[in-house]
Structures are given as structure tokens and as C-alpha cells.
N, C-alpha and C. Protein backbone atom coordinates (compact mmCIF):
# COMPACT_ATOMS: atom_id res chain seq x y z
N UNK A 1 -41.52 -27.33 19.09
CA UNK A 1 -41.04 -28.60 19.42
C UNK A 1 -41.00 -28.92 20.64
N UNK A 2 -41.51 -30.14 21.17
CA UNK A 2 -41.67 -30.32 22.65
C UNK A 2 -40.49 -31.03 23.13
N UNK A 3 -40.04 -31.23 24.41
CA UNK A 3 -39.16 -31.91 24.90
C UNK A 3 -39.76 -32.94 26.06
N UNK A 4 -39.52 -34.33 25.96
CA UNK A 4 -40.12 -35.12 26.89
C UNK A 4 -38.74 -35.48 27.98
N UNK A 5 -38.53 -35.21 28.97
CA UNK A 5 -37.40 -35.54 29.80
C UNK A 5 -37.98 -36.15 31.10
N UNK A 6 -36.88 -36.86 31.76
CA UNK A 6 -36.98 -37.48 33.00
C UNK A 6 -35.70 -36.90 33.77
N UNK A 7 -35.98 -36.08 34.80
CA UNK A 7 -34.80 -35.40 35.37
C UNK A 7 -34.02 -36.64 36.24
N UNK A 8 -32.80 -36.52 36.25
CA UNK A 8 -31.53 -37.65 36.61
C UNK A 8 -31.63 -37.29 38.24
N UNK A 9 -31.52 -36.15 38.48
CA UNK A 9 -31.34 -35.75 40.00
C UNK A 9 -32.40 -35.00 40.55
N UNK A 10 -32.54 -34.53 41.77
CA UNK A 10 -33.51 -33.91 42.47
C UNK A 10 -34.55 -34.78 42.96
N UNK A 11 -34.49 -35.88 43.11
CA UNK A 11 -35.43 -36.81 43.86
C UNK A 11 -36.67 -36.97 43.21
N UNK A 12 -36.82 -36.40 42.02
CA UNK A 12 -38.32 -36.68 41.05
C UNK A 12 -38.01 -37.76 40.27
N UNK A 13 -39.15 -38.61 40.33
CA UNK A 13 -39.25 -39.58 39.26
C UNK A 13 -40.26 -39.55 38.20
N UNK A 14 -40.40 -38.20 37.62
CA UNK A 14 -41.62 -38.11 36.79
C UNK A 14 -40.99 -37.46 35.35
N UNK A 15 -42.01 -37.80 34.38
CA UNK A 15 -41.54 -37.39 32.83
C UNK A 15 -42.33 -36.00 33.05
N UNK A 16 -41.31 -35.14 32.34
CA UNK A 16 -42.03 -33.80 32.02
C UNK A 16 -41.88 -33.47 30.42
N UNK A 17 -43.00 -32.80 30.00
CA UNK A 17 -42.81 -32.14 28.78
C UNK A 17 -42.52 -30.53 28.82
N UNK A 18 -41.75 -30.06 28.08
CA UNK A 18 -41.42 -28.63 28.21
C UNK A 18 -41.88 -28.06 27.00
N UNK A 19 -42.78 -27.18 27.01
CA UNK A 19 -43.29 -26.44 25.68
C UNK A 19 -43.14 -25.06 26.06
N UNK A 20 -42.16 -24.47 25.11
CA UNK A 20 -41.54 -23.07 25.40
C UNK A 20 -41.78 -22.66 26.86
N UNK A 21 -40.70 -23.37 27.36
CA UNK A 21 -40.44 -23.04 28.77
C UNK A 21 -41.21 -23.50 29.93
N UNK A 22 -42.47 -24.03 29.68
CA UNK A 22 -43.27 -24.59 30.59
C UNK A 22 -43.28 -26.01 30.94
N UNK A 23 -42.83 -26.61 32.18
CA UNK A 23 -42.88 -27.82 32.24
C UNK A 23 -44.31 -28.40 32.88
N UNK A 24 -44.77 -29.42 32.30
CA UNK A 24 -45.89 -30.33 32.80
C UNK A 24 -45.56 -31.62 32.86
N UNK A 25 -45.89 -32.43 34.14
CA UNK A 25 -45.77 -33.81 34.35
C UNK A 25 -46.89 -34.37 33.38
N UNK A 26 -46.11 -35.48 32.77
CA UNK A 26 -46.90 -36.15 31.83
C UNK A 26 -46.86 -37.59 31.84
N UNK A 27 -46.66 -38.06 33.09
CA UNK A 27 -46.56 -39.48 33.47
C UNK A 27 -47.87 -40.25 32.99
N UNK A 28 -49.05 -39.68 33.18
CA UNK A 28 -50.26 -40.37 33.02
C UNK A 28 -50.34 -40.44 31.40
N UNK A 29 -49.56 -39.95 30.58
CA UNK A 29 -49.92 -39.97 29.11
C UNK A 29 -48.66 -41.06 28.51
N UNK A 30 -47.81 -41.60 29.13
CA UNK A 30 -46.76 -42.55 28.92
C UNK A 30 -47.35 -44.08 29.06
N UNK A 31 -47.60 -44.73 28.00
CA UNK A 31 -48.08 -45.99 28.09
C UNK A 31 -47.21 -47.22 28.88
N UNK A 32 -45.94 -47.01 28.73
CA UNK A 32 -45.12 -48.02 29.28
C UNK A 32 -43.87 -47.46 29.66
N UNK A 33 -42.94 -48.30 30.42
CA UNK A 33 -41.51 -47.76 30.34
C UNK A 33 -40.61 -48.23 29.63
N UNK A 34 -39.54 -47.30 29.40
CA UNK A 34 -38.53 -47.59 28.26
C UNK A 34 -37.25 -47.60 28.90
N UNK A 35 -36.24 -48.29 28.10
CA UNK A 35 -34.77 -48.43 28.60
C UNK A 35 -34.31 -46.84 29.13
N UNK A 36 -33.32 -46.72 29.99
CA UNK A 36 -32.69 -45.47 30.31
C UNK A 36 -32.22 -44.59 28.93
N UNK A 37 -31.55 -45.46 28.06
CA UNK A 37 -30.73 -45.00 27.07
C UNK A 37 -31.67 -44.48 25.96
N UNK A 38 -32.97 -44.60 26.13
CA UNK A 38 -34.13 -44.15 25.23
C UNK A 38 -34.64 -42.79 25.58
N UNK A 39 -35.42 -42.43 24.71
CA UNK A 39 -36.05 -41.17 25.24
C UNK A 39 -37.45 -41.05 24.69
N UNK A 40 -38.58 -40.45 25.25
CA UNK A 40 -39.93 -40.29 24.71
C UNK A 40 -40.02 -39.10 23.59
N UNK A 41 -40.77 -39.01 22.65
CA UNK A 41 -41.06 -37.82 21.88
C UNK A 41 -42.25 -37.91 21.19
N UNK A 42 -42.78 -36.90 21.00
CA UNK A 42 -44.06 -37.04 20.19
C UNK A 42 -43.78 -37.28 18.73
N UNK A 43 -44.84 -38.05 18.11
CA UNK A 43 -44.38 -38.11 16.57
C UNK A 43 -44.39 -37.28 15.95
N UNK A 44 -45.00 -36.03 16.08
CA UNK A 44 -45.26 -34.71 15.56
C UNK A 44 -43.99 -34.20 15.39
N UNK A 45 -43.00 -34.47 16.55
CA UNK A 45 -41.53 -33.82 16.37
C UNK A 45 -40.67 -34.65 15.73
N UNK A 46 -41.00 -35.79 15.56
CA UNK A 46 -40.02 -36.62 14.70
C UNK A 46 -40.44 -37.08 13.10
N UNK A 47 -41.62 -36.64 12.88
CA UNK A 47 -42.03 -36.90 11.42
C UNK A 47 -43.17 -35.94 10.89
N UNK A 48 -43.18 -35.83 9.72
CA UNK A 48 -44.34 -35.01 9.05
C UNK A 48 -45.48 -36.09 9.09
N UNK A 49 -46.56 -35.57 9.52
CA UNK A 49 -47.82 -36.52 9.44
C UNK A 49 -48.62 -35.60 8.21
N UNK A 50 -49.29 -36.38 7.55
CA UNK A 50 -50.25 -35.59 6.35
C UNK A 50 -51.44 -36.74 6.51
N UNK A 51 -52.49 -35.92 6.94
CA UNK A 51 -53.66 -36.78 7.07
C UNK A 51 -54.50 -36.67 5.57
N UNK A 52 -55.06 -37.69 5.00
CA UNK A 52 -55.83 -37.49 3.90
C UNK A 52 -56.97 -36.74 4.04
N UNK A 53 -57.37 -36.48 2.67
CA UNK A 53 -58.59 -35.54 2.54
C UNK A 53 -59.05 -36.12 1.27
N UNK A 54 -60.20 -36.53 1.19
CA UNK A 54 -60.83 -37.04 -0.09
C UNK A 54 -61.35 -35.89 -1.35
N UNK A 55 -60.79 -36.08 -2.49
CA UNK A 55 -61.16 -35.26 -3.29
C UNK A 55 -62.73 -35.01 -3.65
N UNK A 56 -63.06 -34.24 -4.44
CA UNK A 56 -64.69 -34.19 -4.90
C UNK A 56 -64.82 -35.44 -5.64
N UNK A 57 -65.83 -35.93 -5.09
CA UNK A 57 -66.45 -37.40 -5.70
C UNK A 57 -66.44 -37.58 -7.28
N UNK A 58 -66.76 -36.31 -7.80
CA UNK A 58 -67.05 -36.38 -9.27
C UNK A 58 -65.63 -36.46 -10.01
N UNK A 59 -64.65 -36.00 -9.41
CA UNK A 59 -63.11 -36.10 -9.92
C UNK A 59 -62.67 -37.42 -10.04
N UNK A 60 -63.29 -38.52 -9.33
CA UNK A 60 -62.45 -39.83 -9.05
C UNK A 60 -63.03 -40.69 -10.22
N UNK A 61 -62.38 -41.30 -11.14
CA UNK A 61 -62.68 -42.22 -12.07
C UNK A 61 -61.69 -43.36 -12.10
N UNK A 62 -62.13 -44.37 -12.96
CA UNK A 62 -61.28 -45.38 -13.23
C UNK A 62 -60.51 -45.41 -14.50
N UNK A 63 -60.48 -44.28 -15.04
CA UNK A 63 -59.93 -44.13 -16.52
C UNK A 63 -58.49 -43.80 -16.58
N UNK A 64 -57.87 -44.06 -15.34
CA UNK A 64 -56.48 -43.75 -15.24
C UNK A 64 -55.79 -42.41 -15.80
N UNK A 65 -56.63 -41.58 -15.79
CA UNK A 65 -56.18 -40.15 -15.84
C UNK A 65 -56.11 -39.32 -14.62
N UNK A 66 -55.28 -38.55 -14.56
CA UNK A 66 -54.90 -37.83 -13.16
C UNK A 66 -53.92 -38.61 -12.23
N UNK A 67 -54.19 -38.57 -10.99
CA UNK A 67 -53.41 -39.00 -9.95
C UNK A 67 -53.78 -39.91 -9.36
N UNK A 68 -53.10 -41.34 -9.18
CA UNK A 68 -53.51 -42.62 -8.46
C UNK A 68 -54.12 -42.14 -7.17
N UNK A 69 -55.39 -42.40 -6.77
CA UNK A 69 -55.96 -42.31 -5.37
C UNK A 69 -56.31 -43.53 -4.64
N UNK A 70 -55.95 -43.29 -3.46
CA UNK A 70 -56.49 -44.37 -2.37
C UNK A 70 -57.01 -43.77 -1.37
N UNK A 71 -58.27 -44.50 -0.90
CA UNK A 71 -59.21 -43.95 0.02
C UNK A 71 -58.88 -44.68 1.49
N UNK A 72 -58.38 -45.77 1.42
CA UNK A 72 -58.20 -46.80 2.65
C UNK A 72 -57.18 -47.84 2.22
N UNK A 73 -57.29 -48.90 2.90
CA UNK A 73 -56.06 -49.96 3.04
C UNK A 73 -56.56 -50.91 2.08
N UNK A 74 -57.45 -50.83 1.18
CA UNK A 74 -57.87 -51.79 0.15
C UNK A 74 -56.92 -52.07 -0.67
N UNK A 75 -55.66 -51.48 -0.97
CA UNK A 75 -54.56 -51.94 -1.75
C UNK A 75 -53.22 -52.12 -0.97
N UNK A 76 -53.62 -52.34 0.23
CA UNK A 76 -52.12 -52.67 1.20
C UNK A 76 -51.91 -54.20 0.79
N UNK A 77 -50.51 -54.26 0.72
CA UNK A 77 -50.08 -55.74 0.91
C UNK A 77 -49.22 -56.06 2.03
N UNK A 78 -48.59 -56.87 1.86
CA UNK A 78 -47.70 -57.20 3.18
C UNK A 78 -46.47 -56.17 3.57
N UNK A 79 -46.12 -55.33 2.47
CA UNK A 79 -45.18 -54.62 2.68
C UNK A 79 -45.49 -52.94 2.04
N UNK A 80 -45.76 -53.02 0.67
CA UNK A 80 -45.65 -52.03 -0.30
C UNK A 80 -47.03 -51.84 -0.88
N UNK A 81 -47.57 -50.60 -1.03
CA UNK A 81 -48.74 -50.23 -1.35
C UNK A 81 -49.16 -50.84 -3.00
N UNK A 82 -50.08 -51.53 -3.31
CA UNK A 82 -50.12 -51.79 -4.67
C UNK A 82 -50.87 -50.84 -5.49
N UNK A 83 -51.10 -50.89 -6.77
CA UNK A 83 -51.66 -49.92 -7.44
C UNK A 83 -53.09 -49.84 -7.24
N UNK A 84 -54.01 -48.60 -7.24
CA UNK A 84 -55.06 -48.34 -7.39
C UNK A 84 -55.73 -48.29 -9.01
N UNK A 85 -56.85 -48.80 -8.78
CA UNK A 85 -57.81 -48.73 -10.00
C UNK A 85 -58.19 -46.95 -10.02
N UNK A 86 -58.49 -46.63 -8.92
CA UNK A 86 -59.03 -45.25 -8.88
C UNK A 86 -57.86 -44.01 -9.20
N UNK A 87 -58.45 -43.13 -9.70
CA UNK A 87 -57.62 -41.87 -10.18
C UNK A 87 -58.56 -40.72 -9.86
N UNK A 88 -57.79 -39.53 -9.76
CA UNK A 88 -58.71 -38.11 -9.53
C UNK A 88 -57.89 -37.36 -10.25
N UNK A 89 -58.86 -36.32 -10.92
CA UNK A 89 -58.27 -35.24 -11.67
C UNK A 89 -58.27 -33.80 -10.71
N UNK A 90 -58.60 -34.07 -9.27
CA UNK A 90 -58.68 -32.87 -8.47
C UNK A 90 -58.10 -33.50 -7.09
N UNK A 91 -56.79 -33.75 -7.06
CA UNK A 91 -56.17 -34.30 -5.96
C UNK A 91 -56.02 -33.30 -4.75
N UNK A 92 -56.29 -33.71 -3.59
CA UNK A 92 -56.34 -32.70 -2.24
C UNK A 92 -55.26 -32.94 -1.46
N UNK A 93 -54.66 -34.22 -1.13
CA UNK A 93 -53.43 -34.55 -0.43
C UNK A 93 -52.61 -35.40 -1.21
N UNK A 94 -51.81 -34.73 -1.76
CA UNK A 94 -50.61 -35.60 -2.54
C UNK A 94 -49.47 -36.06 -1.78
N UNK A 95 -49.15 -37.30 -1.98
CA UNK A 95 -47.90 -37.96 -1.26
C UNK A 95 -46.90 -38.00 -2.42
N UNK A 96 -45.87 -37.04 -2.23
CA UNK A 96 -44.89 -37.23 -3.54
C UNK A 96 -43.50 -37.63 -2.90
N UNK A 97 -43.45 -38.20 -1.87
CA UNK A 97 -42.12 -38.70 -1.12
C UNK A 97 -42.49 -39.89 -0.79
N UNK A 98 -41.27 -40.78 -0.45
CA UNK A 98 -41.48 -41.90 0.13
C UNK A 98 -41.73 -41.79 1.59
N UNK A 99 -42.99 -42.68 1.93
CA UNK A 99 -43.63 -42.70 3.29
C UNK A 99 -44.14 -43.94 3.68
N UNK A 100 -44.54 -43.58 5.05
CA UNK A 100 -45.35 -44.79 5.59
C UNK A 100 -46.76 -44.51 5.55
N UNK A 101 -47.53 -45.34 4.83
CA UNK A 101 -48.95 -44.93 5.03
C UNK A 101 -49.76 -45.87 6.11
N UNK A 102 -50.45 -45.21 6.88
CA UNK A 102 -51.25 -45.89 7.91
C UNK A 102 -52.68 -45.81 7.82
N UNK A 103 -53.51 -46.70 8.00
CA UNK A 103 -55.04 -46.66 7.95
C UNK A 103 -55.42 -46.19 9.14
N UNK A 104 -56.10 -44.88 9.01
CA UNK A 104 -56.95 -44.41 10.38
C UNK A 104 -58.17 -44.46 10.39
N UNK A 105 -58.78 -45.25 9.37
CA UNK A 105 -60.11 -45.61 9.86
C UNK A 105 -60.33 -47.14 9.71
N UNK A 106 -61.57 -47.79 10.45
CA UNK A 106 -61.50 -49.37 10.87
C UNK A 106 -60.80 -50.10 9.53
N UNK A 107 -59.98 -50.91 9.67
CA UNK A 107 -59.20 -51.25 10.90
C UNK A 107 -57.94 -50.11 11.04
N UNK A 108 -57.77 -49.57 12.15
CA UNK A 108 -56.89 -48.48 12.35
C UNK A 108 -55.34 -49.22 12.51
N UNK A 109 -54.49 -48.61 12.21
CA UNK A 109 -53.20 -49.01 12.32
C UNK A 109 -52.35 -49.91 11.30
N UNK A 110 -53.06 -50.16 10.44
CA UNK A 110 -52.38 -51.08 9.44
C UNK A 110 -51.41 -50.18 8.55
N UNK A 111 -50.11 -50.63 8.16
CA UNK A 111 -48.94 -49.59 7.51
C UNK A 111 -49.00 -50.52 6.19
N UNK A 112 -48.17 -49.42 5.35
CA UNK A 112 -47.65 -50.09 3.84
C UNK A 112 -46.75 -48.79 3.77
N UNK A 113 -45.70 -49.12 2.80
CA UNK A 113 -44.60 -48.18 2.22
C UNK A 113 -45.23 -47.71 1.01
N UNK A 114 -44.94 -46.55 0.60
CA UNK A 114 -45.27 -45.94 -0.67
C UNK A 114 -44.10 -45.26 -1.10
N UNK A 115 -43.93 -45.39 -2.64
CA UNK A 115 -42.64 -44.64 -2.98
C UNK A 115 -43.01 -44.08 -4.18
N UNK A 116 -44.18 -43.65 -4.58
CA UNK A 116 -44.83 -43.02 -5.66
C UNK A 116 -45.66 -41.92 -5.60
N UNK A 117 -45.87 -40.99 -6.52
CA UNK A 117 -47.01 -39.78 -6.17
C UNK A 117 -48.37 -40.35 -6.19
N UNK A 118 -48.98 -40.21 -5.07
CA UNK A 118 -50.47 -40.62 -4.94
C UNK A 118 -51.30 -39.48 -4.18
N UNK A 119 -52.45 -39.73 -4.32
CA UNK A 119 -53.49 -38.84 -3.47
C UNK A 119 -54.11 -39.80 -2.67
N UNK A 120 -54.10 -39.39 -1.26
CA UNK A 120 -54.56 -40.20 -0.28
C UNK A 120 -55.99 -39.41 0.33
N UNK A 121 -56.97 -40.06 0.66
CA UNK A 121 -58.24 -39.78 1.17
C UNK A 121 -58.44 -39.98 2.65
N UNK A 122 -59.69 -39.65 3.19
CA UNK A 122 -59.78 -39.76 4.70
C UNK A 122 -59.25 -40.89 5.49
N UNK A 123 -59.20 -42.17 4.80
CA UNK A 123 -58.92 -43.20 5.57
C UNK A 123 -57.62 -43.66 5.75
N UNK A 124 -56.74 -42.60 5.27
CA UNK A 124 -55.22 -42.78 5.33
C UNK A 124 -54.23 -41.70 5.94
N UNK A 125 -53.32 -41.79 6.41
CA UNK A 125 -52.51 -40.88 6.74
C UNK A 125 -50.93 -41.06 6.46
N UNK A 126 -49.90 -40.23 5.90
CA UNK A 126 -48.89 -40.43 5.47
C UNK A 126 -47.97 -40.01 6.48
N UNK A 127 -46.94 -40.75 6.86
CA UNK A 127 -45.73 -40.32 7.82
C UNK A 127 -44.42 -40.36 7.17
N UNK A 128 -43.95 -39.21 7.32
CA UNK A 128 -42.51 -39.16 6.53
C UNK A 128 -41.58 -38.71 7.67
N UNK A 129 -40.76 -39.56 8.23
CA UNK A 129 -39.55 -39.59 9.21
C UNK A 129 -38.88 -38.29 9.10
N UNK A 130 -38.41 -37.38 9.80
CA UNK A 130 -37.63 -36.19 9.51
C UNK A 130 -36.06 -36.66 9.52
N UNK A 131 -36.00 -38.17 9.76
CA UNK A 131 -34.53 -38.27 9.73
C UNK A 131 -34.30 -39.15 8.46
N UNK A 132 -33.21 -39.60 8.00
CA UNK A 132 -33.32 -40.62 6.75
C UNK A 132 -33.33 -41.77 7.00
N UNK A 133 -34.26 -42.31 6.62
CA UNK A 133 -34.53 -43.82 6.73
C UNK A 133 -34.61 -44.79 5.41
N UNK A 134 -33.83 -44.01 4.32
CA UNK A 134 -33.57 -44.69 3.11
C UNK A 134 -33.19 -46.01 3.28
N UNK A 135 -32.14 -46.20 4.04
CA UNK A 135 -31.47 -47.55 3.93
C UNK A 135 -32.22 -48.60 4.95
N UNK A 136 -33.23 -48.03 5.84
CA UNK A 136 -34.13 -49.01 6.53
C UNK A 136 -35.07 -49.31 5.62
N UNK A 137 -35.58 -48.53 4.68
CA UNK A 137 -36.81 -48.71 3.74
C UNK A 137 -36.54 -49.84 3.00
N UNK A 138 -35.25 -49.67 2.52
CA UNK A 138 -34.75 -50.55 1.31
C UNK A 138 -34.41 -52.05 2.11
N UNK A 139 -34.12 -52.08 3.40
CA UNK A 139 -33.90 -53.24 4.07
C UNK A 139 -35.06 -53.91 4.46
N UNK A 140 -36.33 -53.12 4.71
CA UNK A 140 -37.66 -53.63 4.77
C UNK A 140 -38.32 -54.41 3.45
N UNK A 141 -37.77 -53.59 2.57
CA UNK A 141 -38.65 -54.17 1.29
C UNK A 141 -37.73 -55.53 0.81
N UNK A 142 -36.45 -55.84 1.12
CA UNK A 142 -35.94 -56.96 0.88
C UNK A 142 -36.20 -58.01 1.73
N UNK A 143 -36.72 -57.82 3.01
CA UNK A 143 -37.18 -58.77 3.93
C UNK A 143 -38.42 -59.47 3.66
N UNK A 144 -38.44 -60.71 3.94
CA UNK A 144 -39.66 -61.25 3.82
C UNK A 144 -40.46 -61.44 5.30
N UNK A 145 -41.10 -60.24 5.68
CA UNK A 145 -41.94 -60.09 6.94
C UNK A 145 -43.06 -59.49 6.76
N UNK A 146 -43.96 -59.21 7.93
CA UNK A 146 -45.03 -58.91 7.79
C UNK A 146 -44.85 -57.31 7.88
N UNK A 147 -45.99 -56.58 7.74
CA UNK A 147 -45.98 -54.87 7.83
C UNK A 147 -45.70 -54.58 9.38
N UNK A 148 -45.89 -55.47 10.16
CA UNK A 148 -45.92 -55.19 11.70
C UNK A 148 -44.27 -54.80 11.92
N UNK A 149 -43.37 -55.11 11.10
CA UNK A 149 -42.10 -55.02 11.34
C UNK A 149 -41.47 -53.61 11.24
N UNK A 150 -42.43 -52.99 10.23
CA UNK A 150 -41.93 -51.44 9.58
C UNK A 150 -41.52 -50.65 10.75
N UNK A 151 -42.41 -50.33 11.61
CA UNK A 151 -42.15 -49.45 12.65
C UNK A 151 -40.93 -49.72 13.49
N UNK A 152 -40.61 -50.98 13.83
CA UNK A 152 -39.44 -51.32 14.67
C UNK A 152 -38.38 -51.26 14.03
N UNK A 153 -38.40 -51.49 12.55
CA UNK A 153 -37.03 -51.33 11.83
C UNK A 153 -36.87 -49.88 11.57
N UNK A 154 -37.86 -48.98 11.44
CA UNK A 154 -37.59 -47.43 11.09
C UNK A 154 -37.12 -47.16 12.28
N UNK A 155 -37.45 -47.41 13.45
CA UNK A 155 -37.29 -46.90 14.62
C UNK A 155 -35.84 -47.42 15.14
N UNK A 156 -35.21 -48.37 14.68
CA UNK A 156 -33.89 -49.00 14.73
C UNK A 156 -33.92 -50.18 15.75
N UNK A 157 -35.16 -50.56 16.18
CA UNK A 157 -35.10 -51.65 17.22
C UNK A 157 -35.03 -53.14 16.62
N UNK A 158 -33.73 -53.37 15.98
CA UNK A 158 -33.73 -54.81 15.37
C UNK A 158 -33.57 -55.74 16.33
């Protein structure tokens, strides 16, 4: 785990990343300033990130046998992933937890929630926060907003 810090004393005004006791200035990696009460962290330190991997092409069918398969954002809605017509008998990357799906191929960055077991292909990744977000996810599902709000809600920036 890395720790991103900004010293309070010592006259320095830089952000540092501490990896196994070695500190490196990372000011050029931070896209914008944040309030003093917040802290920077790497997504990989706060969530499990699972990149998709496509199953063997011959295992993908439309006969509803096997595991529901999603290759990209074709089944994205405003909030939650809709059902796919594609299924695979040889799943490679299974999502069997409540997660945020993100499109990682053009267009990059669109997000949806998923709460059922699916297989994800190369066009998607699943993000599972390491903190309990169940109540936030339930709140998002009840709101009538666009998927752009998902990350701000999960992060608690209401």
C-alpha cells in the first residue's frame, strides 16, 4: 500500500508518496488541489480493480447457457447494467460481487452498477471499493440521476 502525504511542517509544500519507506515527490502526478481535510490515494489502494478478459470466441453464444457475458458498454443504462443476450460456457473474468463497471475502451469512463454474476470482456473493468458502500449504492439506485453521479456518491461528496 502506498501513502500519499503532504507535510504540515518543515517548510516543504510537496506531496510525497511513501512506498516501503522510500519517499518520492509526486506533485506532477496530481491533477488538481483538494481541500485540506481530504487526502490523495491511489485507486488500487482503496478498491479491487478487475480488468476484463474475453473468453474463447467459440464459447460465446446467445442460447442463454452458461454465464451472462458483457464485452463493452452495449448494455449500459443510466444506472444499472441491463441483461445481455450473450452467454459464455468458458468465463474468464467473473464478477460475483456488487461492483461499479467502467468502460475501458472507446468511449472510456462510462460507468454502471452491477449486482449479479457476469463475465466481463476486454472492454470493461470492475471496481469493488474496499469500504462498505452498500447504503450509497442503494441510494444511487433510488435516485433519478445520471451515471456521472456514481463516483461522487460513492466517494461521499454529496
